[in-house]
Amino acid sequence: SLHTRFLPAGEDGLEQVVDGSGELPVVVRECAPAEAPAVGAGLLKELAGRSFDHEREWPLRVGLVVCEGEVHRLVLAASHTAMDYWGLGRMVRDLESIRAGETAESLRRARPALQPLEAAATQASPIGRRRDEAARRYWLEQLAAGPRRLFQAPAAPELADDPTRMFPNALLRSPALAVAVERVAAELEVSDAAVLLGAASHQLARMSGSSDVLFQVVVGNRFQPAAAAAVSTVAQEALFRLTDADRDFTDAVRRTRSVAFSAFRHAAYDKWALEREVARLVERGEAADHSYWWNDTRDPGSGPFESVERPRAALSELIGRTELSWPTEFLPRVNVSMAVDVLTAPGALDLAMTADPAVLSRDDMERFLRGVERLVVAAAITLGDE
C-alpha cells in the first residue's frame, strides 16, 4: 500500500495502481543535537502540511534529522489511504524490528501480510462478493429499523445550518476508568471494549431519550493473521444498534458483546456502493440517525499500566483524579453529531470526544463523558472498592 497510487476511472471511480518499483524522496535536515527536537517538529509540520497527490505520489513522506553525521530523528507523514491506525502501528513495529537487526525479507517470512492486490482479488471473488452483499444488506436492515433521530431536543438546532460553527473537542483522562473497566469486564465475562461501548450506549440512551441507539464503530478487520500484519487500510465501520439501551447498565453491557459481534461480521464491504444505497434510504426518510461514532483505538497488547505503577488508591478516591480538558476545536464534520475515541494513556484511559454544538452543548459533552466514567466506576465499586 505504500507504493500504491489512485487514478480516476469513470465518473466516480478510482483505479488502484501498485507500482513495482520507484524512488521515495527523503528530506534531510542537519542541525546541532540540541536543536533536533525543534527541527524534527518543524519537519513533521512541513511533510504533513500539504496534501498528497495520489495520482502521482506515493502515500508516504520520509524525513531525517541528522546531527553530527548521525540520524537523530526519523520523521514520517502518511496518507490515510495508505494505512489505518492499526496499520501505522504495524509499520512502526516493523521499523523498530529492522533497527534491531531484522531485514525486510526476514520480516516477510516471519509475518506474512495481506497485500492490496491480494485483498482486491479476494473482494472480487464469489465469496468476497457474497460477504459484501451480506454486509450491505445488514446495514440497510439496521438503518431501516433504528430511530430516525436520537436527540428529540437538540441543544441548539438553530446552529445546524451555520457553516462557521466549530465542533468542540473534549478530553477526559481517567485513572479510575482504567482500573474499573478491567474489573467490570472480568465480572461480566466480556471484553473491556464491550464494557466501554455498552456504557456509552447506555449513557447516550439516557441523555437522548431514545431507548435504541446506533454507533458507527470503527473495526480493525484484522481477525486473520495476514490481515493483522498488513500495513494498509483494512479498517471500516460497523453499524452497531443496541435496543433498549436505557433500561439497565449491566444488561446493556452483556448484550453489547453479541450485538457487536454481529455488527463486526458485517464491517467489510464496498463502501461507495453502500454510501449510494444509504443515500437513497436517507432521501426517502427511511434511514436511522447514524451520526454517532465510536473508535476504540487501543492496542490489546499495550495497556495503561505497562510503563507506570498501577494505582493503589480506592476507586472512590481515584475518580477524584480525573482530568477534563478542551484541547481544540474542529471544523464541521459531515454526518457527525458525536465522535468518541478511546485511547490508552500512561496510568489512565482517555476518552476524546467531539460533537456538533447544534446537538450537544459543552455541558452535554461533559455530562456524557463523566456519565460513562461513573457508570463503569460505580459498577466496579459494587464489586469491592479496593
Protein backbone atom coordinates (compact mmCIF):
# COMPACT_ATOMS: atom_id res chain seq x y z
CA SER A 1 0.00 0.00 0.00
CA LEU A 2 2.96 2.33 0.48
CA HIS A 3 3.68 2.28 -3.27
CA THR A 4 0.07 2.48 -4.43
CA ARG A 5 -1.42 5.31 -6.48
CA PHE A 6 -5.05 6.06 -7.40
CA LEU A 7 -6.12 7.14 -10.88
CA PRO A 8 -9.57 8.43 -11.89
CA ALA A 9 -11.73 5.74 -13.51
CA GLY A 10 -15.12 6.61 -14.95
CA GLU A 11 -17.48 9.17 -13.50
CA ASP A 12 -16.87 8.46 -9.82
CA GLY A 13 -14.46 5.54 -9.71
CA LEU A 14 -10.80 5.01 -8.94
CA GLU A 15 -8.22 2.64 -10.36
CA GLN A 16 -5.72 1.30 -7.85
CA VAL A 17 -2.18 1.07 -9.28
CA VAL A 18 0.56 -0.73 -7.35
CA ASP A 19 3.96 0.34 -8.66
CA GLY A 20 6.52 -2.43 -8.93
CA SER A 21 9.45 -0.08 -8.44
CA GLY A 22 10.28 3.57 -7.92
CA GLU A 23 12.04 6.02 -5.66
CA LEU A 24 10.85 7.58 -2.40
CA PRO A 25 12.41 11.00 -1.77
CA VAL A 26 13.88 11.61 1.68
CA VAL A 27 14.07 15.13 3.10
CA VAL A 28 17.18 15.68 5.22
CA ARG A 29 17.69 18.46 7.76
CA GLU A 30 21.03 18.92 9.53
CA CYS A 31 21.35 20.68 12.87
CA ALA A 32 23.06 20.62 16.26
CA PRO A 33 21.87 17.87 18.66
CA ALA A 34 20.19 20.38 20.97
CA GLU A 35 18.07 21.62 18.08
CA ALA A 36 16.91 18.16 16.95
CA PRO A 37 13.51 18.18 18.74
CA ALA A 38 12.50 21.55 17.30
CA VAL A 39 13.83 20.75 13.84
CA GLY A 40 12.04 17.40 13.88
CA ALA A 41 8.75 19.03 14.85
CA GLY A 42 9.17 21.58 12.09
CA LEU A 43 9.95 18.88 9.54
CA LEU A 44 6.86 16.91 10.55
CA LYS A 45 4.72 20.02 10.11
CA GLU A 46 6.28 20.56 6.69
CA LEU A 47 5.74 16.99 5.48
CA ALA A 48 2.21 16.70 6.83
CA GLY A 49 1.19 20.22 5.93
CA ARG A 50 0.49 19.68 2.24
CA SER A 51 -1.97 17.38 0.52
CA PHE A 52 -0.89 14.18 -1.18
CA ASP A 53 -1.21 13.96 -4.96
CA HIS A 54 -2.49 10.39 -5.11
CA GLU A 55 -2.29 10.20 -8.89
CA ARG A 56 1.45 10.87 -8.98
CA GLU A 57 2.78 10.46 -5.45
CA TRP A 58 3.19 7.51 -3.12
CA PRO A 59 1.25 7.99 0.15
CA LEU A 60 4.31 8.22 2.43
CA ARG A 61 6.80 11.00 3.08
CA VAL A 62 10.07 10.47 4.93
CA GLY A 63 12.37 12.93 6.63
CA LEU A 64 15.61 12.61 8.60
CA VAL A 65 17.11 14.95 11.16
CA VAL A 66 20.88 14.47 11.08
CA CYS A 67 23.19 15.74 13.81
CA GLU A 68 26.97 15.40 13.55
CA GLY A 69 26.66 12.69 10.93
CA GLU A 70 24.09 10.57 12.82
CA VAL A 71 20.33 10.32 12.38
CA HIS A 72 18.60 11.67 15.50
CA ARG A 73 15.02 11.76 14.24
CA LEU A 74 13.03 9.74 11.70
CA VAL A 75 10.01 11.75 10.58
CA LEU A 76 7.10 10.08 8.75
CA ALA A 77 3.92 11.51 7.26
CA ALA A 78 1.42 9.17 5.62
CA SER A 79 -1.91 9.48 3.89
CA HIS A 80 -4.90 7.70 5.40
CA THR A 81 -5.35 6.00 2.02
CA ALA A 82 -2.16 4.04 2.75
CA MET A 83 -2.87 2.79 6.25
CA ASP A 84 -5.31 2.93 9.11
CA TYR A 85 -4.40 3.44 12.76
CA TRP A 86 -3.55 -0.23 13.24
CA GLY A 87 -1.54 -0.27 10.01
CA LEU A 88 0.52 2.64 11.30
CA GLY A 89 1.30 0.63 14.42
CA ARG A 90 2.42 -2.33 12.32
CA MET A 91 4.70 -0.10 10.25
CA VAL A 92 6.31 1.39 13.35
CA ARG A 93 6.75 -2.11 14.80
CA ASP A 94 8.44 -3.28 11.60
CA LEU A 95 10.77 -0.27 11.57
CA GLU A 96 11.76 -0.99 15.17
CA SER A 97 12.43 -4.62 14.22
CA ILE A 98 14.66 -3.51 11.35
CA ARG A 99 16.56 -1.22 13.70
CA ALA A 100 17.07 -4.25 15.96
CA GLY A 101 18.63 -6.25 13.12
CA GLU A 102 15.77 -7.73 11.12
CA THR A 103 15.57 -7.32 7.35
CA ALA A 104 12.60 -6.78 5.08
CA GLU A 105 12.98 -10.37 3.85
CA SER A 106 13.06 -11.86 7.35
CA LEU A 107 10.01 -9.84 8.37
CA ARG A 108 8.07 -11.03 5.33
CA ARG A 109 8.88 -14.62 6.24
CA ALA A 110 8.01 -14.18 9.92
CA ARG A 111 4.87 -12.08 9.43
CA PRO A 112 3.26 -12.65 6.02
CA ALA A 113 0.95 -9.73 5.34
CA LEU A 114 -2.03 -9.27 3.06
CA GLN A 115 -1.11 -7.04 0.12
CA PRO A 116 -3.54 -4.67 -1.68
CA LEU A 117 -3.77 -6.71 -4.89
CA GLU A 118 -4.39 -9.88 -2.88
CA ALA A 119 -7.13 -8.11 -0.93
CA ALA A 120 -8.69 -6.85 -4.16
CA ALA A 121 -8.68 -10.36 -5.62
CA THR A 122 -10.42 -11.72 -2.53
CA GLN A 123 -13.02 -8.97 -2.63
CA ALA A 124 -13.74 -9.66 -6.31
CA SER A 125 -14.08 -13.42 -5.78
CA PRO A 126 -17.53 -15.06 -5.40
CA ILE A 127 -17.12 -15.40 -1.63
CA GLY A 128 -15.91 -11.81 -1.38
CA ARG A 129 -18.94 -10.55 -3.31
CA ARG A 130 -21.30 -12.56 -1.11
CA ARG A 131 -19.73 -11.07 2.01
CA ASP A 132 -20.06 -7.59 0.56
CA GLU A 133 -23.72 -8.11 -0.32
CA ALA A 134 -24.49 -9.56 3.11
CA ALA A 135 -22.75 -6.67 4.86
CA ARG A 136 -24.59 -4.01 2.88
CA ARG A 137 -27.90 -5.81 3.42
CA TYR A 138 -27.22 -5.88 7.18
CA TRP A 139 -26.51 -2.14 7.21
CA LEU A 140 -29.70 -1.29 5.36
CA GLU A 141 -31.80 -3.51 7.63
CA GLN A 142 -30.37 -1.89 10.77
CA LEU A 143 -30.80 1.62 9.38
CA ALA A 144 -34.41 0.92 8.45
CA ALA A 145 -35.15 -0.40 11.95
CA GLY A 146 -33.44 2.29 14.04
CA PRO A 147 -34.73 5.66 15.33
CA ARG A 148 -34.82 8.49 12.80
CA ARG A 149 -33.35 10.90 15.34
CA LEU A 150 -31.68 10.20 18.68
CA PHE A 151 -31.93 13.61 20.34
CA GLN A 152 -35.50 14.86 20.12
CA ALA A 153 -34.45 18.06 21.90
CA PRO A 154 -31.03 19.04 20.48
CA ALA A 155 -29.02 21.72 22.27
CA ALA A 156 -29.12 24.48 19.64
CA PRO A 157 -30.93 23.44 16.44
CA GLU A 158 -30.59 26.95 15.06
CA LEU A 159 -26.85 26.27 14.60
CA ALA A 160 -27.41 23.28 12.31
CA ASP A 161 -27.23 25.38 9.14
CA ASP A 162 -24.33 27.58 10.30
CA PRO A 163 -21.22 26.55 8.32
CA THR A 164 -18.98 28.63 10.61
CA ARG A 165 -19.82 26.77 13.82
CA MET A 166 -16.92 24.92 15.40
CA PHE A 167 -17.05 21.46 16.96
CA PRO A 168 -15.50 21.46 20.47
CA ASN A 169 -13.02 18.74 21.41
CA ALA A 170 -13.07 17.39 24.98
CA LEU A 171 -10.54 15.03 26.55
CA LEU A 172 -11.35 13.06 29.70
CA ARG A 173 -8.30 11.38 31.27
CA SER A 174 -9.32 8.89 33.95
CA PRO A 175 -7.05 6.65 36.05
CA ALA A 176 -10.19 5.28 37.74
CA LEU A 177 -11.70 4.16 34.44
CA ALA A 178 -8.51 2.30 33.52
CA VAL A 179 -8.77 0.26 36.73
CA ALA A 180 -12.54 -0.12 36.85
CA VAL A 181 -13.08 -1.32 33.30
CA GLU A 182 -10.87 -4.36 33.90
CA ARG A 183 -12.84 -5.38 36.99
CA VAL A 184 -16.23 -4.99 35.33
CA ALA A 185 -15.10 -6.88 32.24
CA ALA A 186 -13.86 -9.79 34.36
CA GLU A 187 -17.07 -9.88 36.41
CA LEU A 188 -19.38 -9.82 33.38
CA GLU A 189 -17.10 -12.09 31.32
CA VAL A 190 -16.89 -9.68 28.40
CA SER A 191 -14.07 -7.64 26.91
CA ASP A 192 -13.24 -4.23 28.32
CA ALA A 193 -14.10 -2.84 24.88
CA ALA A 194 -17.65 -4.18 25.30
CA VAL A 195 -17.88 -2.56 28.73
CA LEU A 196 -16.97 0.85 27.34
CA LEU A 197 -19.22 0.61 24.28
CA GLY A 198 -22.08 -0.66 26.44
CA ALA A 199 -21.58 2.18 28.91
CA ALA A 200 -21.51 4.72 26.08
CA SER A 201 -24.70 3.27 24.61
CA HIS A 202 -26.48 3.32 27.97
CA GLN A 203 -25.41 6.91 28.68
CA LEU A 204 -26.36 8.08 25.19
CA ALA A 205 -29.79 6.47 25.50
CA ARG A 206 -30.40 8.11 28.88
CA MET A 207 -29.35 11.53 27.60
CA SER A 208 -31.07 11.45 24.22
CA GLY A 209 -34.39 9.99 25.29
CA SER A 210 -34.10 7.27 22.65
CA SER A 211 -34.15 3.73 24.02
CA ASP A 212 -32.43 2.45 20.87
CA VAL A 213 -29.04 3.88 19.89
CA LEU A 214 -26.73 3.49 16.93
CA PHE A 215 -22.98 3.94 16.68
CA GLN A 216 -20.78 3.67 13.65
CA VAL A 217 -17.98 1.68 15.26
CA VAL A 218 -14.56 1.64 13.62
CA VAL A 219 -13.49 -2.01 13.25
CA GLY A 220 -9.90 -3.03 12.58
CA ASN A 221 -10.92 -6.06 10.44
CA ARG A 222 -7.63 -7.73 11.39
CA PHE A 223 -9.04 -11.03 12.56
CA GLN A 224 -6.87 -13.16 10.24
CA PRO A 225 -3.06 -13.29 10.76
CA ALA A 226 -2.29 -11.98 7.26
CA ALA A 227 -4.63 -9.04 7.75
CA ALA A 228 -3.28 -8.42 11.26
CA ALA A 229 0.21 -7.81 9.86
CA ALA A 230 -0.91 -5.64 6.94
CA VAL A 231 0.36 -2.08 6.65
CA SER A 232 -2.76 -0.97 4.82
CA THR A 233 -6.28 0.36 5.20
CA VAL A 234 -8.22 -2.62 6.47
CA ALA A 235 -10.48 -0.84 8.96
CA GLN A 236 -14.07 0.02 8.13
CA GLU A 237 -17.17 0.99 10.08
CA ALA A 238 -19.65 -1.44 11.61
CA LEU A 239 -23.20 -0.31 12.29
CA PHE A 240 -23.94 -1.12 15.93
CA ARG A 241 -27.60 -0.84 17.02
CA LEU A 242 -28.46 -1.61 20.63
CA THR A 243 -32.15 -1.77 21.52
CA ASP A 244 -33.48 -0.89 24.98
CA ALA A 245 -30.10 0.57 25.85
CA ASP A 246 -31.59 2.82 28.52
CA ARG A 247 -33.02 0.07 30.75
CA ASP A 248 -30.07 -1.32 32.70
CA PHE A 249 -26.31 -0.79 32.50
CA THR A 250 -25.31 -4.39 33.17
CA ASP A 251 -27.83 -5.70 30.67
CA ALA A 252 -26.63 -3.20 28.06
CA VAL A 253 -23.02 -4.32 28.50
CA ARG A 254 -23.87 -8.02 28.31
CA ARG A 255 -25.90 -7.56 25.13
CA THR A 256 -23.25 -5.32 23.60
CA ARG A 257 -20.98 -8.32 23.14
CA SER A 258 -23.38 -10.29 20.92
CA VAL A 259 -24.71 -7.25 19.05
CA ALA A 260 -21.18 -6.02 18.38
CA PHE A 261 -20.15 -9.45 17.13
CA SER A 262 -22.93 -9.41 14.54
CA ALA A 263 -22.07 -5.86 13.53
CA PHE A 264 -18.35 -6.62 13.22
CA ARG A 265 -19.09 -9.60 10.96
CA HIS A 266 -20.63 -7.11 8.53
CA ALA A 267 -17.88 -4.48 8.57
CA ALA A 268 -16.19 -5.29 5.24
CA TYR A 269 -17.98 -4.01 2.16
CA ASP A 270 -17.83 -1.88 -0.97
CA LYS A 271 -18.04 1.50 0.75
CA TRP A 272 -19.05 3.51 -2.30
CA ALA A 273 -21.83 1.05 -3.13
CA LEU A 274 -23.07 1.20 0.46
CA GLU A 275 -22.97 5.00 0.50
CA ARG A 276 -25.14 5.15 -2.61
CA GLU A 277 -27.67 2.77 -1.06
CA VAL A 278 -27.70 4.66 2.24
CA ALA A 279 -28.17 7.96 0.38
CA ARG A 280 -31.30 6.59 -1.29
CA LEU A 281 -32.60 5.46 2.10
CA VAL A 282 -31.94 8.92 3.55
CA GLU A 283 -33.68 10.64 0.63
CA ARG A 284 -36.81 8.59 1.32
CA GLY A 285 -36.68 9.48 5.01
CA GLU A 286 -36.25 5.82 5.92
CA ALA A 287 -32.77 5.86 7.50
CA ALA A 288 -31.98 5.87 11.20
CA ASP A 289 -29.76 8.54 12.71
CA HIS A 290 -26.25 7.18 12.17
CA SER A 291 -24.24 10.28 13.05
CA TYR A 292 -22.70 8.89 16.26
CA TRP A 293 -19.21 7.39 16.03
CA TRP A 294 -17.12 5.20 18.34
CA ASN A 295 -13.47 4.35 17.77
CA ASP A 296 -11.63 2.24 20.34
CA THR A 297 -8.05 2.74 19.16
CA ARG A 298 -6.35 0.79 21.96
CA ASP A 299 -3.85 -1.93 21.22
CA PRO A 300 -4.78 -5.03 23.27
CA GLY A 301 -1.10 -5.76 23.66
CA SER A 302 -0.29 -2.43 25.29
CA GLY A 303 -2.16 -1.44 28.45
CA PRO A 304 -2.13 1.70 30.61
CA PHE A 305 0.00 0.14 33.35
CA GLU A 306 2.91 -1.16 31.32
CA SER A 307 5.15 1.83 31.95
CA VAL A 308 3.68 3.13 35.22
CA GLU A 309 2.70 1.50 38.51
CA ARG A 310 -0.91 0.52 38.98
CA PRO A 311 -2.52 2.94 41.48
CA ARG A 312 -3.23 1.59 44.95
CA ALA A 313 -5.89 4.13 45.88
CA ALA A 314 -9.54 3.10 46.20
CA LEU A 315 -11.73 3.84 43.20
CA SER A 316 -13.79 6.29 45.24
CA GLU A 317 -10.60 8.29 45.73
CA LEU A 318 -9.13 7.62 42.30
CA ILE A 319 -12.10 9.12 40.46
CA GLY A 320 -11.19 12.47 42.01
CA ARG A 321 -8.01 12.47 39.89
CA THR A 322 -9.93 12.58 36.61
CA GLU A 323 -8.96 15.49 34.37
CA LEU A 324 -11.19 17.13 31.74
CA SER A 325 -9.67 19.48 29.19
CA TRP A 326 -10.73 21.17 25.96
CA PRO A 327 -7.66 20.99 23.70
CA THR A 328 -9.04 22.38 20.43
CA GLU A 329 -11.98 22.85 18.08
CA PHE A 330 -12.69 21.32 14.68
CA LEU A 331 -14.41 22.48 11.54
CA PRO A 332 -17.89 21.00 10.95
CA ARG A 333 -17.89 17.32 10.01
CA VAL A 334 -20.43 15.71 7.71
CA ASN A 335 -22.89 13.36 9.43
CA VAL A 336 -21.22 13.72 12.83
CA SER A 337 -23.30 14.55 15.88
CA MET A 338 -20.79 12.92 18.21
CA ALA A 339 -17.47 11.12 17.76
CA VAL A 340 -15.59 9.44 20.61
CA ASP A 341 -12.11 7.91 20.55
CA VAL A 342 -10.85 5.60 23.30
CA LEU A 343 -7.10 5.85 23.84
CA THR A 344 -4.52 4.40 26.19
CA ALA A 345 -2.54 6.86 28.32
CA PRO A 346 0.13 6.11 30.94
CA GLY A 347 -1.84 5.05 34.01
CA ALA A 348 -5.20 6.10 32.59
CA LEU A 349 -7.76 5.77 29.85
CA ASP A 350 -8.61 8.72 27.64
CA LEU A 351 -11.99 9.45 26.12
CA ALA A 352 -11.58 12.07 23.40
CA MET A 353 -14.85 13.50 22.13
CA THR A 354 -16.02 15.99 19.54
CA ALA A 355 -19.63 16.95 18.98
CA ASP A 356 -21.84 19.18 16.87
CA PRO A 357 -22.87 22.14 19.07
CA ALA A 358 -26.24 22.09 17.33
CA VAL A 359 -26.87 18.73 19.00
CA LEU A 360 -24.78 18.75 22.20
CA SER A 361 -23.51 21.68 24.22
CA ARG A 362 -20.21 21.62 26.09
CA ASP A 363 -22.14 20.82 29.27
CA ASP A 364 -23.77 17.90 27.45
CA MET A 365 -20.38 16.65 26.32
CA GLU A 366 -19.04 16.74 29.87
CA ARG A 367 -22.19 15.01 31.12
CA PHE A 368 -21.72 12.23 28.58
CA LEU A 369 -18.03 11.65 29.31
CA ARG A 370 -18.37 11.75 33.08
CA GLY A 371 -21.50 9.63 32.82
CA VAL A 372 -19.65 6.86 31.01
CA GLU A 373 -16.88 7.01 33.60
CA ARG A 374 -19.28 6.95 36.56
CA LEU A 375 -21.25 4.02 35.20
CA VAL A 376 -18.17 1.83 34.93
CA VAL A 377 -16.57 3.00 38.17
CA ALA A 378 -19.80 2.57 40.14
CA ALA A 379 -20.21 -0.96 38.81
CA ALA A 380 -16.62 -1.76 39.83
CA ILE A 381 -17.10 -0.29 43.31
CA THR A 382 -20.01 -2.66 43.94
CA LEU A 383 -17.51 -5.48 43.42
CA GLY A 384 -15.28 -4.07 46.17
CA ASP A 385 -13.64 -0.65 46.43
CA GLU A 386 -10.03 -1.70 46.77
